[in-house]
Amino acid sequence: MWTEVYFSQNEGKVKRLVDILSEAHIISRVRGSGEGTGRCYVVFVPRAELDEAQNIIVESDIF
């Protein structure tokens, strides 16, 4: 089962996070919705990797 781990309107931050997760061997999926300046992105990871992904997000200073 996939779990939402990150939500952002900044496509660059989302791409950076996906790269960081990939380097840590955590698979992820991105879903975008909306158009133009209202576009939002959601990053999902497998539930089994949620804790590790959350730790990586906090340590990566992506905010």
N, C-alpha and C. Protein backbone atom coordinates (compact mmCIF):
# COMPACT_ATOMS: atom_id res chain seq x y z
N MET A 1 0.83 -1.17 0.00
CA MET A 1 0.00 0.00 0.00
C MET A 1 0.89 1.25 0.00
N TRP A 2 0.51 2.23 -0.78
CA TRP A 2 1.25 3.48 -0.90
C TRP A 2 0.70 4.50 0.09
N THR A 3 1.60 5.28 0.67
CA THR A 3 1.23 6.27 1.67
C THR A 3 1.80 7.63 1.30
N GLU A 4 0.99 8.67 1.45
CA GLU A 4 1.45 10.03 1.17
C GLU A 4 2.50 10.43 2.20
N VAL A 5 3.62 10.97 1.68
CA VAL A 5 4.70 11.35 2.58
C VAL A 5 5.10 12.82 2.42
N TYR A 6 4.71 13.45 1.33
CA TYR A 6 5.12 14.84 1.09
C TYR A 6 4.14 15.48 0.12
N PHE A 7 3.86 16.76 0.35
CA PHE A 7 2.93 17.51 -0.48
C PHE A 7 3.53 18.89 -0.73
N SER A 8 3.54 19.32 -1.98
CA SER A 8 4.15 20.62 -2.29
C SER A 8 3.62 21.18 -3.60
N GLN A 9 3.69 22.50 -3.72
CA GLN A 9 3.40 23.15 -5.00
C GLN A 9 4.69 23.40 -5.78
N ASN A 10 5.82 23.12 -5.17
CA ASN A 10 7.12 23.39 -5.78
C ASN A 10 7.64 22.13 -6.47
N GLU A 11 7.56 22.12 -7.79
CA GLU A 11 7.96 20.95 -8.56
C GLU A 11 9.45 20.62 -8.36
N GLY A 12 10.28 21.63 -8.22
CA GLY A 12 11.71 21.42 -8.02
C GLY A 12 12.00 20.67 -6.73
N LYS A 13 11.30 21.04 -5.64
CA LYS A 13 11.49 20.35 -4.37
C LYS A 13 11.03 18.90 -4.45
N VAL A 14 9.95 18.69 -5.17
CA VAL A 14 9.43 17.32 -5.33
C VAL A 14 10.43 16.47 -6.10
N LYS A 15 10.97 17.00 -7.19
CA LYS A 15 11.96 16.25 -7.96
C LYS A 15 13.21 15.97 -7.13
N ARG A 16 13.62 16.96 -6.34
CA ARG A 16 14.78 16.78 -5.46
C ARG A 16 14.52 15.67 -4.44
N LEU A 17 13.34 15.67 -3.85
CA LEU A 17 12.99 14.63 -2.87
C LEU A 17 12.98 13.25 -3.51
N VAL A 18 12.40 13.13 -4.68
CA VAL A 18 12.36 11.84 -5.37
C VAL A 18 13.79 11.34 -5.63
N ASP A 19 14.69 12.25 -6.01
CA ASP A 19 16.09 11.87 -6.23
C ASP A 19 16.75 11.41 -4.93
N ILE A 20 16.49 12.14 -3.84
CA ILE A 20 17.06 11.78 -2.53
C ILE A 20 16.55 10.41 -2.08
N LEU A 21 15.25 10.19 -2.24
CA LEU A 21 14.68 8.89 -1.86
C LEU A 21 15.25 7.77 -2.72
N SER A 22 15.41 8.03 -3.99
CA SER A 22 15.98 7.03 -4.90
C SER A 22 17.40 6.66 -4.50
N GLU A 23 18.20 7.66 -4.12
CA GLU A 23 19.57 7.40 -3.67
C GLU A 23 19.59 6.53 -2.42
N ALA A 24 18.52 6.62 -1.60
CA ALA A 24 18.40 5.81 -0.39
C ALA A 24 17.70 4.48 -0.67
N HIS A 25 17.47 4.18 -1.94
CA HIS A 25 16.83 2.94 -2.39
C HIS A 25 15.39 2.82 -1.90
N ILE A 26 14.69 3.96 -1.87
CA ILE A 26 13.27 3.98 -1.53
C ILE A 26 12.51 4.37 -2.78
N ILE A 27 11.63 3.50 -3.22
CA ILE A 27 10.84 3.80 -4.40
C ILE A 27 9.75 4.81 -4.03
N SER A 28 9.37 5.62 -5.00
CA SER A 28 8.34 6.63 -4.75
C SER A 28 7.53 6.85 -6.02
N ARG A 29 6.37 7.43 -5.82
CA ARG A 29 5.50 7.83 -6.93
C ARG A 29 5.07 9.26 -6.69
N VAL A 30 4.87 9.99 -7.78
CA VAL A 30 4.42 11.37 -7.67
C VAL A 30 3.11 11.51 -8.44
N ARG A 31 2.18 12.18 -7.81
CA ARG A 31 0.91 12.47 -8.48
C ARG A 31 0.72 13.98 -8.46
N GLY A 32 0.43 14.55 -9.59
CA GLY A 32 0.17 15.98 -9.68
C GLY A 32 -1.29 16.24 -9.94
N SER A 33 -1.77 17.38 -9.47
CA SER A 33 -3.15 17.76 -9.76
C SER A 33 -3.23 19.27 -9.88
N GLY A 34 -4.24 19.73 -10.56
CA GLY A 34 -4.42 21.16 -10.76
C GLY A 34 -3.68 21.64 -12.00
N GLU A 35 -3.78 22.94 -12.24
CA GLU A 35 -3.15 23.53 -13.41
C GLU A 35 -2.51 24.87 -13.04
N GLY A 36 -1.51 25.23 -13.81
CA GLY A 36 -0.87 26.53 -13.65
C GLY A 36 -0.29 26.74 -12.26
N THR A 37 -0.54 27.91 -11.69
CA THR A 37 0.03 28.24 -10.38
C THR A 37 -0.63 27.46 -9.26
N GLY A 38 -1.77 26.82 -9.52
CA GLY A 38 -2.46 26.03 -8.52
C GLY A 38 -2.07 24.56 -8.53
N ARG A 39 -1.06 24.21 -9.32
CA ARG A 39 -0.64 22.81 -9.43
C ARG A 39 0.01 22.35 -8.13
N CYS A 40 -0.36 21.17 -7.67
CA CYS A 40 0.19 20.57 -6.45
C CYS A 40 0.72 19.17 -6.77
N TYR A 41 1.71 18.75 -6.00
CA TYR A 41 2.33 17.45 -6.18
C TYR A 41 2.31 16.69 -4.86
N VAL A 42 2.01 15.40 -4.94
CA VAL A 42 2.01 14.54 -3.77
C VAL A 42 2.99 13.41 -4.03
N VAL A 43 3.87 13.15 -3.05
CA VAL A 43 4.85 12.07 -3.15
C VAL A 43 4.36 10.92 -2.26
N PHE A 44 4.35 9.73 -2.83
CA PHE A 44 3.93 8.53 -2.11
C PHE A 44 5.11 7.56 -2.01
N VAL A 45 5.16 6.83 -0.90
CA VAL A 45 6.14 5.75 -0.72
C VAL A 45 5.39 4.53 -0.19
N PRO A 46 5.97 3.34 -0.34
CA PRO A 46 5.34 2.16 0.25
C PRO A 46 5.24 2.31 1.77
N ARG A 47 4.15 1.86 2.33
CA ARG A 47 3.93 1.98 3.78
C ARG A 47 5.08 1.38 4.58
N ALA A 48 5.67 0.30 4.09
CA ALA A 48 6.77 -0.35 4.80
C ALA A 48 8.01 0.55 4.89
N GLU A 49 8.13 1.53 4.01
CA GLU A 49 9.29 2.42 3.98
C GLU A 49 8.96 3.82 4.50
N LEU A 50 7.78 3.99 5.07
CA LEU A 50 7.32 5.31 5.51
C LEU A 50 8.23 5.94 6.56
N ASP A 51 8.57 5.20 7.61
CA ASP A 51 9.41 5.76 8.68
C ASP A 51 10.76 6.22 8.15
N GLU A 52 11.38 5.39 7.32
CA GLU A 52 12.68 5.76 6.76
C GLU A 52 12.56 6.99 5.85
N ALA A 53 11.50 7.03 5.05
CA ALA A 53 11.29 8.17 4.15
C ALA A 53 11.08 9.46 4.95
N GLN A 54 10.31 9.39 6.02
CA GLN A 54 10.08 10.57 6.86
C GLN A 54 11.39 11.06 7.47
N ASN A 55 12.21 10.15 7.94
CA ASN A 55 13.51 10.53 8.51
C ASN A 55 14.38 11.23 7.47
N ILE A 56 14.37 10.70 6.26
CA ILE A 56 15.16 11.29 5.17
C ILE A 56 14.66 12.70 4.85
N ILE A 57 13.36 12.88 4.83
CA ILE A 57 12.79 14.20 4.54
C ILE A 57 13.24 15.21 5.59
N VAL A 58 13.16 14.83 6.86
CA VAL A 58 13.56 15.74 7.93
C VAL A 58 15.05 16.06 7.85
N GLU A 59 15.86 15.04 7.60
CA GLU A 59 17.32 15.23 7.55
C GLU A 59 17.77 15.96 6.29
N SER A 60 16.98 15.92 5.23
CA SER A 60 17.41 16.50 3.95
C SER A 60 17.24 18.01 3.90
N ASP A 61 16.57 18.59 4.87
CA ASP A 61 16.35 20.04 4.90
C ASP A 61 15.64 20.52 3.63
N ILE A 62 14.70 19.73 3.15
CA ILE A 62 14.01 20.05 1.90
C ILE A 62 12.95 21.15 2.10
N PHE A 63 12.60 21.42 3.32
CA PHE A 63 11.60 22.45 3.58
C PHE A 63 12.23 23.78 3.36
